[in-house]
Amino acid sequence: MNSKRRNFIKKTLLATSGIAFSSGLSAKSYRKIIGSNDRIRVGIVGFSNRSKYSLIPSFLQFSKKLNFEIVGVSDIWNRRRLEGAEFIKSKTGLKVDKWRNNEEMYEKNKIDSVIISTADFQHAIHTVEAAESKKDVYVEKPLAIDVDSITRIEEAMYNAEDPKIFLGFNRRFSGASQFIKEKLNIYPANAINFRFSVPKLERDHWTNIKEIGGGRIVGEAIHAIDLGTYFFESLPQSISSYCPINKDSGEVYDNQVFININYANGSHAAIQYFSDTNDNLSKERLEIHGNDNSFIVEDFQLMRYLIGPDDKSKVFSDGKGHKQAIETFLSYVKNEIP
């Protein structure tokens, strides 16, 4: 394996753990022809509920300041395409293009970046298309639901010029996570416990269909894996998991999973994903321990932190990091952050 390929794969391994892809941009390569003060044009790939209620509203909070604009919506479903265009017009007053598919969008070549919010099984192919078309990418997690798709993304990035792909692991950008990270820079932790308590889904729900949704662990529990990577500044070295079993029927409770992760620096994460808990529990509870200090967080809103003799609490009202993730992506595209 040549050194260029080896270095690329090393960067890609970091990226699949939730770190935005980067190839070391020079000032000359930034935006190729577009000047740093020119408006950056964005296409929405897939007008989903996530687009409508999270991604686009978050984008519009920062687009003017950072000089971005949405210029069109690509969706193979005519109804969603029209709904997306009307929604954007209602928020911005601007009429945007309606592309019947991504091929048409890239042929028109009116965009510089894309925000991908399609079904989970489509993320990989749409990311490959964008990389091959030399567009910057924000893509919702999971990046892919099978290893072969990851390989195709790696190849597309390897052959692309200055690829920028940003994964939607928003939890690390929340106010609570940023507060903890600042403390961990002084007092490193070595153990994380992350508990999910989620509503049950019907067995035939699209999320539970392996070929479409990849399952709830791939679609949601990966937030905890990324958060461990972020807090520990280390990659997973080994992973094991276990599901409770119904002894009467022999069925595995596949939405009830225990995951243990050992990181390369010796840290450990324990993740519990439950869909059979009391509805009054917080959906996500995070505990971080190390150096005689502890942080306990409920739904990224309520925090108790114990550092030395101090026992304090703090409230966060900025959500789970969706807005901050989009702002970071826009700054990343403009080369304002590494």
C-alpha atoms as a PDB file:
ATOM      1  CA  MET A   1       0.000   0.000   0.000  1.00  0.00           C
ATOM      2  CA  ASN A   2       1.516   3.363  -0.988  1.00  0.00           C
ATOM      3  CA  SER A   3       1.947   6.120   1.594  1.00  0.00           C
ATOM      4  CA  LYS A   4      -0.706   8.363   0.043  1.00  0.00           C
ATOM      5  CA  ARG A   5      -3.295   5.595   0.260  1.00  0.00           C
ATOM      6  CA  ARG A   6      -2.208   4.665   3.783  1.00  0.00           C
ATOM      7  CA  ASN A   7      -2.503   8.265   5.027  1.00  0.00           C
ATOM      8  CA  PHE A   8      -5.899   8.629   3.389  1.00  0.00           C
ATOM      9  CA  ILE A   9      -7.276   5.511   5.055  1.00  0.00           C
ATOM     10  CA  LYS A  10      -5.961   6.717   8.415  1.00  0.00           C
ATOM     11  CA  LYS A  11      -7.882   9.960   8.014  1.00  0.00           C
ATOM     12  CA  THR A  12     -10.967   8.078   6.896  1.00  0.00           C
ATOM     13  CA  LEU A  13     -10.913   5.873   9.991  1.00  0.00           C
ATOM     14  CA  LEU A  14     -10.947   8.997  12.123  1.00  0.00           C
ATOM     15  CA  ALA A  15     -13.792  10.398  10.076  1.00  0.00           C
ATOM     16  CA  THR A  16     -16.037   7.373  10.456  1.00  0.00           C
ATOM     17  CA  SER A  17     -15.871   7.925  14.207  1.00  0.00           C
ATOM     18  CA  GLY A  18     -17.614  11.254  13.809  1.00  0.00           C
ATOM     19  CA  ILE A  19     -14.785  13.617  12.912  1.00  0.00           C
ATOM     20  CA  ALA A  20     -15.421  15.660   9.797  1.00  0.00           C
ATOM     21  CA  PHE A  21     -13.440  14.514   6.756  1.00  0.00           C
ATOM     22  CA  SER A  22     -10.673  16.847   5.671  1.00  0.00           C
ATOM     23  CA  SER A  23      -7.719  16.640   3.353  1.00  0.00           C
ATOM     24  CA  GLY A  24      -5.632  19.611   4.465  1.00  0.00           C
ATOM     25  CA  LEU A  25      -6.839  22.517   2.378  1.00  0.00           C
ATOM     26  CA  SER A  26      -4.582  25.260   1.139  1.00  0.00           C
ATOM     27  CA  ALA A  27      -5.710  28.845   0.620  1.00  0.00           C
ATOM     28  CA  LYS A  28      -5.382  28.268  -3.108  1.00  0.00           C
ATOM     29  CA  SER A  29      -7.783  25.344  -3.083  1.00  0.00           C
ATOM     30  CA  TYR A  30     -10.467  27.059  -1.023  1.00  0.00           C
ATOM     31  CA  ARG A  31     -13.627  27.269  -3.030  1.00  0.00           C
ATOM     32  CA  LYS A  32     -11.570  26.762  -6.223  1.00  0.00           C
ATOM     33  CA  ILE A  33     -12.981  29.651  -8.245  1.00  0.00           C
ATOM     34  CA  ILE A  34     -15.447  31.080  -5.751  1.00  0.00           C
ATOM     35  CA  GLY A  35     -13.985  33.836  -3.613  1.00  0.00           C
ATOM     36  CA  SER A  36     -14.126  33.587   0.162  1.00  0.00           C
ATOM     37  CA  ASN A  37     -16.601  36.490   0.243  1.00  0.00           C
ATOM     38  CA  ASP A  38     -18.942  35.034  -2.397  1.00  0.00           C
ATOM     39  CA  ARG A  39     -22.219  33.392  -1.462  1.00  0.00           C
ATOM     40  CA  ILE A  40     -22.068  29.620  -1.171  1.00  0.00           C
ATOM     41  CA  ARG A  41     -24.980  27.806  -2.798  1.00  0.00           C
ATOM     42  CA  VAL A  42     -26.538  24.778  -1.121  1.00  0.00           C
ATOM     43  CA  GLY A  43     -28.837  22.058  -2.438  1.00  0.00           C
ATOM     44  CA  ILE A  44     -31.128  20.054  -0.166  1.00  0.00           C
ATOM     45  CA  VAL A  45     -31.041  16.339  -0.990  1.00  0.00           C
ATOM     46  CA  GLY A  46     -34.272  14.839   0.304  1.00  0.00           C
ATOM     47  CA  PHE A  47     -36.953  16.994   1.950  1.00  0.00           C
ATOM     48  CA  SER A  48     -37.596  14.928   5.074  1.00  0.00           C
ATOM     49  CA  ASN A  49     -39.005  15.827   8.476  1.00  0.00           C
ATOM     50  CA  ARG A  50     -35.429  16.194   9.680  1.00  0.00           C
ATOM     51  CA  SER A  51     -34.865  18.746   6.910  1.00  0.00           C
ATOM     52  CA  LYS A  52     -38.052  20.629   7.706  1.00  0.00           C
ATOM     53  CA  TYR A  53     -37.913  20.744  11.482  1.00  0.00           C
ATOM     54  CA  SER A  54     -34.178  20.756  12.190  1.00  0.00           C
ATOM     55  CA  LEU A  55     -31.659  21.112   9.376  1.00  0.00           C
ATOM     56  CA  ILE A  56     -33.177  23.907   7.303  1.00  0.00           C
ATOM     57  CA  PRO A  57     -34.273  26.042  10.314  1.00  0.00           C
ATOM     58  CA  SER A  58     -30.783  25.626  11.796  1.00  0.00           C
ATOM     59  CA  PHE A  59     -29.185  26.513   8.457  1.00  0.00           C
ATOM     60  CA  LEU A  60     -31.265  29.689   8.149  1.00  0.00           C
ATOM     61  CA  GLN A  61     -30.106  30.904  11.560  1.00  0.00           C
ATOM     62  CA  PHE A  62     -26.527  31.167  10.271  1.00  0.00           C
ATOM     63  CA  SER A  63     -26.828  31.446   6.489  1.00  0.00           C
ATOM     64  CA  LYS A  64     -26.900  35.227   6.311  1.00  0.00           C
ATOM     65  CA  LYS A  65     -23.992  35.717   8.684  1.00  0.00           C
ATOM     66  CA  LEU A  66     -21.860  33.120   6.903  1.00  0.00           C
ATOM     67  CA  ASN A  67     -23.092  34.009   3.392  1.00  0.00           C
ATOM     68  CA  PHE A  68     -24.857  30.788   2.380  1.00  0.00           C
ATOM     69  CA  GLU A  69     -28.140  30.279   0.572  1.00  0.00           C
ATOM     70  CA  ILE A  70     -30.359  27.331  -0.343  1.00  0.00           C
ATOM     71  CA  VAL A  71     -30.913  27.375  -4.096  1.00  0.00           C
ATOM     72  CA  GLY A  72     -32.869  24.157  -4.662  1.00  0.00           C
ATOM     73  CA  VAL A  73     -34.371  20.877  -3.500  1.00  0.00           C
ATOM     74  CA  SER A  74     -33.697  17.466  -5.005  1.00  0.00           C
ATOM     75  CA  ASP A  75     -36.272  14.751  -4.304  1.00  0.00           C
ATOM     76  CA  ILE A  76     -37.561  11.961  -6.524  1.00  0.00           C
ATOM     77  CA  TRP A  77     -40.991  12.278  -4.902  1.00  0.00           C
ATOM     78  CA  ASN A  78     -42.804  15.179  -6.575  1.00  0.00           C
ATOM     79  CA  ARG A  79     -44.919  15.937  -3.513  1.00  0.00           C
ATOM     80  CA  ARG A  80     -41.927  16.288  -1.207  1.00  0.00           C
ATOM     81  CA  ARG A  81     -40.053  18.284  -3.827  1.00  0.00           C
ATOM     82  CA  LEU A  82     -42.887  20.810  -4.061  1.00  0.00           C
ATOM     83  CA  GLU A  83     -43.357  20.892  -0.290  1.00  0.00           C
ATOM     84  CA  GLY A  84     -39.657  21.553   0.191  1.00  0.00           C
ATOM     85  CA  ALA A  85     -39.589  24.434  -2.291  1.00  0.00           C
ATOM     86  CA  GLU A  86     -42.693  25.985  -0.727  1.00  0.00           C
ATOM     87  CA  PHE A  87     -41.290  25.590   2.778  1.00  0.00           C
ATOM     88  CA  ILE A  88     -38.036  27.327   1.854  1.00  0.00           C
ATOM     89  CA  LYS A  89     -39.947  30.113   0.101  1.00  0.00           C
ATOM     90  CA  SER A  90     -42.114  30.610   3.193  1.00  0.00           C
ATOM     91  CA  LYS A  91     -38.988  31.040   5.308  1.00  0.00           C
ATOM     92  CA  THR A  92     -36.820  33.080   2.946  1.00  0.00           C
ATOM     93  CA  GLY A  93     -39.184  34.626   0.418  1.00  0.00           C
ATOM     94  CA  LEU A  94     -37.049  33.132  -2.346  1.00  0.00           C
ATOM     95  CA  LYS A  95     -38.078  30.801  -5.137  1.00  0.00           C
ATOM     96  CA  VAL A  96     -35.731  27.821  -5.389  1.00  0.00           C
ATOM     97  CA  ASP A  97     -35.098  25.185  -8.037  1.00  0.00           C
ATOM     98  CA  LYS A  98     -36.893  21.842  -7.888  1.00  0.00           C
ATOM     99  CA  TRP A  99     -34.699  18.998  -9.195  1.00  0.00           C
ATOM    100  CA  ARG A 100     -36.326  15.667 -10.011  1.00  0.00           C
ATOM    101  CA  ASN A 101     -33.213  13.768  -8.943  1.00  0.00           C
ATOM    102  CA  ASN A 102     -29.589  14.298  -7.995  1.00  0.00           C
ATOM    103  CA  GLU A 103     -28.371  13.717 -11.542  1.00  0.00           C
ATOM    104  CA  GLU A 104     -30.375  16.716 -12.671  1.00  0.00           C
ATOM    105  CA  MET A 105     -29.106  18.767  -9.738  1.00  0.00           C
ATOM    106  CA  TYR A 106     -25.459  18.045 -10.516  1.00  0.00           C
ATOM    107  CA  GLU A 107     -25.945  18.542 -14.257  1.00  0.00           C
ATOM    108  CA  LYS A 108     -27.264  22.060 -13.637  1.00  0.00           C
ATOM    109  CA  ASN A 109     -24.153  22.665 -11.487  1.00  0.00           C
ATOM    110  CA  LYS A 110     -25.671  25.560  -9.563  1.00  0.00           C
ATOM    111  CA  ILE A 111     -24.521  24.391  -6.151  1.00  0.00           C
ATOM    112  CA  ASP A 112     -21.342  24.238  -4.107  1.00  0.00           C
ATOM    113  CA  SER A 113     -22.564  22.104  -1.191  1.00  0.00           C
ATOM    114  CA  VAL A 114     -25.331  19.670  -0.303  1.00  0.00           C
ATOM    115  CA  ILE A 115     -27.224  18.792   2.853  1.00  0.00           C
ATOM    116  CA  ILE A 116     -28.300  15.142   2.689  1.00  0.00           C
ATOM    117  CA  SER A 117     -31.349  14.089   4.688  1.00  0.00           C
ATOM    118  CA  THR A 118     -32.711  11.067   2.865  1.00  0.00           C
ATOM    119  CA  ALA A 119     -33.495   7.588   4.195  1.00  0.00           C
ATOM    120  CA  ASP A 120     -30.636   5.936   6.084  1.00  0.00           C
ATOM    121  CA  PHE A 121     -29.865   3.392   3.361  1.00  0.00           C
ATOM    122  CA  GLN A 122     -29.484   6.225   0.816  1.00  0.00           C
ATOM    123  CA  HIS A 123     -26.901   8.266   2.726  1.00  0.00           C
ATOM    124  CA  ALA A 124     -23.922   6.392   1.315  1.00  0.00           C
ATOM    125  CA  ILE A 125     -24.878   6.540  -2.370  1.00  0.00           C
ATOM    126  CA  HIS A 126     -25.776  10.227  -2.126  1.00  0.00           C
ATOM    127  CA  THR A 127     -22.491  10.971  -0.375  1.00  0.00           C
ATOM    128  CA  VAL A 128     -20.585   9.171  -3.133  1.00  0.00           C
ATOM    129  CA  GLU A 129     -22.461  11.170  -5.791  1.00  0.00           C
ATOM    130  CA  ALA A 130     -21.628  14.434  -4.048  1.00  0.00           C
ATOM    131  CA  ALA A 131     -17.943  13.573  -3.601  1.00  0.00           C
ATOM    132  CA  GLU A 132     -17.651  12.543  -7.251  1.00  0.00           C
ATOM    133  CA  SER A 133     -19.300  15.840  -8.213  1.00  0.00           C
ATOM    134  CA  LYS A 134     -16.792  17.751  -6.055  1.00  0.00           C
ATOM    135  CA  LYS A 135     -19.394  19.150  -3.661  1.00  0.00           C
ATOM    136  CA  ASP A 136     -19.027  19.704   0.069  1.00  0.00           C
ATOM    137  CA  VAL A 137     -21.342  17.460   2.073  1.00  0.00           C
ATOM    138  CA  TYR A 138     -23.341  17.527   5.268  1.00  0.00           C
ATOM    139  CA  VAL A 139     -24.864  14.062   5.669  1.00  0.00           C
ATOM    140  CA  GLU A 140     -27.095  12.810   8.434  1.00  0.00           C
ATOM    141  CA  LYS A 141     -25.940   9.771  10.369  1.00  0.00           C
ATOM    142  CA  PRO A 142     -25.522   6.939   9.794  1.00  0.00           C
ATOM    143  CA  LEU A 143     -23.045   7.535   6.995  1.00  0.00           C
ATOM    144  CA  ALA A 144     -23.739   3.984   5.794  1.00  0.00           C
ATOM    145  CA  ILE A 145     -25.456   0.819   6.997  1.00  0.00           C
ATOM    146  CA  ASP A 146     -22.960  -1.701   5.604  1.00  0.00           C
ATOM    147  CA  VAL A 147     -19.194  -2.003   5.206  1.00  0.00           C
ATOM    148  CA  ASP A 148     -19.265  -2.139   1.396  1.00  0.00           C
ATOM    149  CA  SER A 149     -20.848   1.308   1.309  1.00  0.00           C
ATOM    150  CA  ILE A 150     -18.111   2.705   3.546  1.00  0.00           C
ATOM    151  CA  THR A 151     -15.555   1.312   1.112  1.00  0.00           C
ATOM    152  CA  ARG A 152     -17.290   3.042  -1.816  1.00  0.00           C
ATOM    153  CA  ILE A 153     -17.263   6.338   0.085  1.00  0.00           C
ATOM    154  CA  GLU A 154     -13.558   5.920   0.838  1.00  0.00           C
ATOM    155  CA  GLU A 155     -12.833   5.337  -2.847  1.00  0.00           C
ATOM    156  CA  ALA A 156     -14.896   8.353  -3.919  1.00  0.00           C
ATOM    157  CA  MET A 157     -13.103  10.567  -1.432  1.00  0.00           C
ATOM    158  CA  TYR A 158      -9.711   9.193  -2.382  1.00  0.00           C
ATOM    159  CA  ASN A 159     -10.374  10.115  -6.014  1.00  0.00           C
ATOM    160  CA  ALA A 160     -11.927  13.495  -5.215  1.00  0.00           C
ATOM    161  CA  GLU A 161     -10.076  16.782  -4.883  1.00  0.00           C
ATOM    162  CA  ASP A 162     -10.193  18.260  -1.387  1.00  0.00           C
ATOM    163  CA  PRO A 163     -13.254  16.322  -0.178  1.00  0.00           C
ATOM    164  CA  LYS A 164     -15.187  17.829   2.719  1.00  0.00           C
ATOM    165  CA  ILE A 165     -17.725  15.523   4.320  1.00  0.00           C
ATOM    166  CA  PHE A 166     -19.330  16.341   7.650  1.00  0.00           C
ATOM    167  CA  LEU A 167     -21.298  13.722   9.602  1.00  0.00           C
ATOM    168  CA  GLY A 168     -24.359  14.762  11.602  1.00  0.00           C
ATOM    169  CA  PHE A 169     -23.209  13.592  15.023  1.00  0.00           C
ATOM    170  CA  ASN A 170     -24.797  16.564  16.753  1.00  0.00           C
ATOM    171  CA  ARG A 171     -24.483  15.451  20.399  1.00  0.00           C
ATOM    172  CA  ARG A 172     -20.826  16.473  20.597  1.00  0.00           C
ATOM    173  CA  PHE A 173     -21.797  20.043  19.639  1.00  0.00           C
ATOM    174  CA  SER A 174     -24.405  20.515  22.372  1.00  0.00           C
ATOM    175  CA  GLY A 175     -23.785  23.042  25.116  1.00  0.00           C
ATOM    176  CA  ALA A 176     -23.586  20.270  27.703  1.00  0.00           C
ATOM    177  CA  SER A 177     -20.975  18.345  25.710  1.00  0.00           C
ATOM    178  CA  GLN A 178     -18.908  21.462  25.100  1.00  0.00           C
ATOM    179  CA  PHE A 179     -18.974  22.294  28.819  1.00  0.00           C
ATOM    180  CA  ILE A 180     -17.841  18.767  29.702  1.00  0.00           C
ATOM    181  CA  LYS A 181     -15.156  18.752  27.016  1.00  0.00           C
ATOM    182  CA  GLU A 182     -13.659  21.948  28.391  1.00  0.00           C
ATOM    183  CA  LYS A 183     -13.447  20.373  31.848  1.00  0.00           C
ATOM    184  CA  LEU A 184     -12.014  17.114  30.484  1.00  0.00           C
ATOM    185  CA  ASN A 185      -9.182  19.036  28.863  1.00  0.00           C
ATOM    186  CA  ILE A 186      -8.078  19.731  32.442  1.00  0.00           C
ATOM    187  CA  TYR A 187      -9.369  16.590  34.173  1.00  0.00           C
ATOM    188  CA  PRO A 188      -9.383  13.700  31.657  1.00  0.00           C
ATOM    189  CA  ALA A 189     -12.012  10.987  32.120  1.00  0.00           C
ATOM    190  CA  ASN A 190     -11.618   7.271  31.549  1.00  0.00           C
ATOM    191  CA  ALA A 191     -15.174   5.916  31.772  1.00  0.00           C
ATOM    192  CA  ILE A 192     -18.506   6.749  30.164  1.00  0.00           C
ATOM    193  CA  ASN A 193     -21.916   5.207  30.714  1.00  0.00           C
ATOM    194  CA  PHE A 194     -24.624   6.176  28.221  1.00  0.00           C
ATOM    195  CA  ARG A 195     -28.209   4.944  28.642  1.00  0.00           C
ATOM    196  CA  PHE A 196     -30.884   5.337  25.970  1.00  0.00           C
ATOM    197  CA  SER A 197     -34.548   4.906  26.888  1.00  0.00           C
ATOM    198  CA  VAL A 198     -36.613   5.028  23.707  1.00  0.00           C
ATOM    199  CA  PRO A 199     -40.210   4.232  22.700  1.00  0.00           C
ATOM    200  CA  LYS A 200     -40.956   0.844  21.215  1.00  0.00           C
ATOM    201  CA  LEU A 201     -41.318   0.507  17.461  1.00  0.00           C
ATOM    202  CA  GLU A 202     -43.308  -2.052  15.528  1.00  0.00           C
ATOM    203  CA  ARG A 203     -41.147  -4.835  14.142  1.00  0.00           C
ATOM    204  CA  ASP A 204     -41.993  -3.831  10.576  1.00  0.00           C
ATOM    205  CA  HIS A 205     -41.108  -0.158  11.147  1.00  0.00           C
ATOM    206  CA  TRP A 206     -38.648   0.964   8.459  1.00  0.00           C
ATOM    207  CA  THR A 207     -35.955   1.626  11.061  1.00  0.00           C
ATOM    208  CA  ASN A 208     -35.978  -2.072  11.998  1.00  0.00           C
ATOM    209  CA  ILE A 209     -35.636  -3.268   8.408  1.00  0.00           C
ATOM    210  CA  LYS A 210     -31.944  -4.004   7.996  1.00  0.00           C
ATOM    211  CA  GLU A 211     -31.717  -3.078   4.314  1.00  0.00           C
ATOM    212  CA  ILE A 212     -33.526   0.266   4.797  1.00  0.00           C
ATOM    213  CA  GLY A 213     -32.936   1.577   8.287  1.00  0.00           C
ATOM    214  CA  GLY A 214     -30.060  -0.593   9.446  1.00  0.00           C
ATOM    215  CA  GLY A 215     -31.635  -0.953  12.895  1.00  0.00           C
ATOM    216  CA  ARG A 216     -31.853   1.447  15.821  1.00  0.00           C
ATOM    217  CA  ILE A 217     -28.330   0.762  17.022  1.00  0.00           C
ATOM    218  CA  VAL A 218     -26.827   1.884  13.708  1.00  0.00           C
ATOM    219  CA  GLY A 219     -29.275   4.762  13.453  1.00  0.00           C
ATOM    220  CA  GLU A 220     -29.211   6.147  16.990  1.00  0.00           C
ATOM    221  CA  ALA A 221     -26.926   4.400  19.488  1.00  0.00           C
ATOM    222  CA  ILE A 222     -23.935   5.416  17.367  1.00  0.00           C
ATOM    223  CA  HIS A 223     -24.300   8.880  18.928  1.00  0.00           C
ATOM    224  CA  ALA A 224     -22.885   7.406  22.127  1.00  0.00           C
ATOM    225  CA  ILE A 225     -19.972   5.767  20.302  1.00  0.00           C
ATOM    226  CA  ASP A 226     -19.105   9.070  18.657  1.00  0.00           C
ATOM    227  CA  LEU A 227     -19.381  10.926  21.956  1.00  0.00           C
ATOM    228  CA  GLY A 228     -16.934   8.524  23.570  1.00  0.00           C
ATOM    229  CA  THR A 229     -14.492   9.058  20.704  1.00  0.00           C
ATOM    230  CA  TYR A 230     -14.866  12.814  21.105  1.00  0.00           C
ATOM    231  CA  PHE A 231     -14.459  12.935  24.882  1.00  0.00           C
ATOM    232  CA  PHE A 232     -11.608  10.412  25.037  1.00  0.00           C
ATOM    233  CA  GLU A 233      -9.869  11.681  21.863  1.00  0.00           C
ATOM    234  CA  SER A 234      -9.265   8.048  20.977  1.00  0.00           C
ATOM    235  CA  LEU A 235     -10.649   5.455  18.573  1.00  0.00           C
ATOM    236  CA  PRO A 236     -12.485   2.251  19.569  1.00  0.00           C
ATOM    237  CA  GLN A 237     -10.141  -0.708  19.770  1.00  0.00           C
ATOM    238  CA  SER A 238     -12.607  -3.485  20.594  1.00  0.00           C
ATOM    239  CA  ILE A 239     -16.398  -3.706  20.793  1.00  0.00           C
ATOM    240  CA  SER A 240     -18.677  -6.369  22.245  1.00  0.00           C
ATOM    241  CA  SER A 241     -22.453  -6.465  22.625  1.00  0.00           C
ATOM    242  CA  TYR A 242     -25.211  -8.537  24.176  1.00  0.00           C
ATOM    243  CA  CYS A 243     -29.008  -8.631  23.828  1.00  0.00           C
ATOM    244  CA  PRO A 244     -31.431 -10.032  26.440  1.00  0.00           C
ATOM    245  CA  ILE A 245     -33.222 -13.186  25.308  1.00  0.00           C
ATOM    246  CA  ASN A 246     -36.802 -14.250  25.928  1.00  0.00           C
ATOM    247  CA  LYS A 247     -36.306 -17.745  27.335  1.00  0.00           C
ATOM    248  CA  ASP A 248     -39.863 -18.788  26.494  1.00  0.00           C
ATOM    249  CA  SER A 249     -39.795 -17.896  22.794  1.00  0.00           C
ATOM    250  CA  GLY A 250     -36.047 -17.810  22.215  1.00  0.00           C
ATOM    251  CA  GLU A 251     -36.411 -14.372  20.638  1.00  0.00           C
ATOM    252  CA  VAL A 252     -33.654 -11.814  20.969  1.00  0.00           C
ATOM    253  CA  TYR A 253     -34.761  -8.374  22.092  1.00  0.00           C
ATOM    254  CA  ASP A 254     -32.870  -6.597  19.330  1.00  0.00           C
ATOM    255  CA  ASN A 255     -33.865  -3.113  20.532  1.00  0.00           C
ATOM    256  CA  GLN A 256     -32.445  -3.893  23.962  1.00  0.00           C
ATOM    257  CA  VAL A 257     -28.684  -3.950  23.655  1.00  0.00           C
ATOM    258  CA  PHE A 258     -25.656  -3.689  25.940  1.00  0.00           C
ATOM    259  CA  ILE A 259     -22.498  -2.459  24.195  1.00  0.00           C
ATOM    260  CA  ASN A 260     -18.992  -2.324  25.692  1.00  0.00           C
ATOM    261  CA  ILE A 261     -16.238  -0.397  23.953  1.00  0.00           C
ATOM    262  CA  ASN A 262     -12.552  -0.330  24.809  1.00  0.00           C
ATOM    263  CA  TYR A 263     -10.676   2.631  23.378  1.00  0.00           C
ATOM    264  CA  ALA A 264      -7.064   2.678  22.232  1.00  0.00           C
ATOM    265  CA  ASN A 265      -6.004   4.937  25.117  1.00  0.00           C
ATOM    266  CA  GLY A 266      -7.408   2.513  27.727  1.00  0.00           C
ATOM    267  CA  SER A 267     -10.718   4.325  28.301  1.00  0.00           C
ATOM    268  CA  HIS A 268     -14.026   2.470  28.336  1.00  0.00           C
ATOM    269  CA  ALA A 269     -17.617   3.188  27.323  1.00  0.00           C
ATOM    270  CA  ALA A 270     -20.670   1.196  28.384  1.00  0.00           C
ATOM    271  CA  ILE A 271     -23.807   1.821  26.340  1.00  0.00           C
ATOM    272  CA  GLN A 272     -27.292   0.543  27.165  1.00  0.00           C
ATOM    273  CA  TYR A 273     -30.034   0.906  24.588  1.00  0.00           C
ATOM    274  CA  PHE A 274     -33.483   0.104  26.018  1.00  0.00           C
ATOM    275  CA  SER A 275     -36.948   0.173  24.461  1.00  0.00           C
ATOM    276  CA  ASP A 276     -38.748  -1.450  27.384  1.00  0.00           C
ATOM    277  CA  THR A 277     -38.373   1.128  30.141  1.00  0.00           C
ATOM    278  CA  ASN A 278     -40.748   3.425  31.979  1.00  0.00           C
ATOM    279  CA  ASP A 279     -41.876   6.421  29.924  1.00  0.00           C
ATOM    280  CA  ASN A 280     -40.951   8.818  32.732  1.00  0.00           C
ATOM    281  CA  LEU A 281     -37.227   8.165  32.341  1.00  0.00           C
ATOM    282  CA  SER A 282     -35.109  10.683  30.462  1.00  0.00           C
ATOM    283  CA  LYS A 283     -34.471   9.549  26.910  1.00  0.00           C
ATOM    284  CA  GLU A 284     -30.697   9.857  27.237  1.00  0.00           C
ATOM    285  CA  ARG A 285     -28.619   9.778  30.406  1.00  0.00           C
ATOM    286  CA  LEU A 286     -24.876  10.279  30.306  1.00  0.00           C
ATOM    287  CA  GLU A 287     -22.356   9.683  33.088  1.00  0.00           C
ATOM    288  CA  ILE A 288     -18.646  10.476  32.742  1.00  0.00           C
ATOM    289  CA  HIS A 289     -16.101   9.607  35.435  1.00  0.00           C
ATOM    290  CA  GLY A 290     -12.363   9.915  35.980  1.00  0.00           C
ATOM    291  CA  ASN A 291      -9.724  11.655  38.103  1.00  0.00           C
ATOM    292  CA  ASP A 292     -12.174  11.652  41.049  1.00  0.00           C
ATOM    293  CA  ASN A 293     -14.588  13.827  39.052  1.00  0.00           C
ATOM    294  CA  SER A 294     -18.050  13.012  37.698  1.00  0.00           C
ATOM    295  CA  PHE A 295     -20.557  14.497  35.267  1.00  0.00           C
ATOM    296  CA  ILE A 296     -24.184  13.348  35.092  1.00  0.00           C
ATOM    297  CA  VAL A 297     -26.399  14.666  32.284  1.00  0.00           C
ATOM    298  CA  GLU A 298     -30.097  14.122  31.580  1.00  0.00           C
ATOM    299  CA  ASP A 299     -31.175  14.680  27.950  1.00  0.00           C
ATOM    300  CA  PHE A 300     -28.342  17.182  27.481  1.00  0.00           C
ATOM    301  CA  GLN A 301     -30.347  19.681  29.552  1.00  0.00           C
ATOM    302  CA  LEU A 302     -29.809  19.034  33.248  1.00  0.00           C
ATOM    303  CA  MET A 303     -26.288  18.473  34.529  1.00  0.00           C
ATOM    304  CA  ARG A 304     -24.816  17.634  37.892  1.00  0.00           C
ATOM    305  CA  TYR A 305     -21.044  17.850  38.035  1.00  0.00           C
ATOM    306  CA  LEU A 306     -18.782  16.962  40.903  1.00  0.00           C
ATOM    307  CA  ILE A 307     -15.208  18.230  40.735  1.00  0.00           C
ATOM    308  CA  GLY A 308     -13.194  17.708  43.869  1.00  0.00           C
ATOM    309  CA  PRO A 309     -15.263  18.934  46.840  1.00  0.00           C
ATOM    310  CA  ASP A 310     -17.659  20.908  44.636  1.00  0.00           C
ATOM    311  CA  ASP A 311     -21.115  19.536  43.815  1.00  0.00           C
ATOM    312  CA  LYS A 312     -22.854  21.816  41.316  1.00  0.00           C
ATOM    313  CA  SER A 313     -25.668  21.783  38.778  1.00  0.00           C
ATOM    314  CA  LYS A 314     -26.223  23.500  35.478  1.00  0.00           C
ATOM    315  CA  VAL A 315     -29.100  23.838  32.995  1.00  0.00           C
ATOM    316  CA  PHE A 316     -28.668  23.949  29.213  1.00  0.00           C
ATOM    317  CA  SER A 317     -31.420  25.206  26.914  1.00  0.00           C
ATOM    318  CA  ASP A 318     -29.739  24.883  23.517  1.00  0.00           C
ATOM    319  CA  GLY A 319     -30.885  21.340  22.753  1.00  0.00           C
ATOM    320  CA  LYS A 320     -28.781  18.399  21.583  1.00  0.00           C
ATOM    321  CA  GLY A 321     -26.443  20.293  19.277  1.00  0.00           C
ATOM    322  CA  HIS A 322     -28.359  20.306  15.981  1.00  0.00           C
ATOM    323  CA  LYS A 323     -27.972  24.058  15.411  1.00  0.00           C
ATOM    324  CA  GLN A 324     -24.338  24.077  16.477  1.00  0.00           C
ATOM    325  CA  ALA A 325     -23.524  21.168  14.161  1.00  0.00           C
ATOM    326  CA  ILE A 326     -24.914  23.019  11.142  1.00  0.00           C
ATOM    327  CA  GLU A 327     -23.043  26.188  12.103  1.00  0.00           C
ATOM    328  CA  THR A 328     -19.836  24.175  12.407  1.00  0.00           C
ATOM    329  CA  PHE A 329     -20.407  22.611   8.981  1.00  0.00           C
ATOM    330  CA  LEU A 330     -20.907  26.011   7.347  1.00  0.00           C
ATOM    331  CA  SER A 331     -17.755  27.367   8.983  1.00  0.00           C
ATOM    332  CA  TYR A 332     -15.901  24.212   7.920  1.00  0.00           C
ATOM    333  CA  VAL A 333     -16.962  24.699   4.298  1.00  0.00           C
ATOM    334  CA  LYS A 334     -15.670  28.275   4.417  1.00  0.00           C
ATOM    335  CA  ASN A 335     -12.376  27.005   5.817  1.00  0.00           C
ATOM    336  CA  GLU A 336     -12.850  29.000   9.023  1.00  0.00           C
ATOM    337  CA  ILE A 337     -12.104  25.906  11.117  1.00  0.00           C
ATOM    338  CA  PRO A 338      -9.676  23.027  10.383  1.00  0.00           C
END
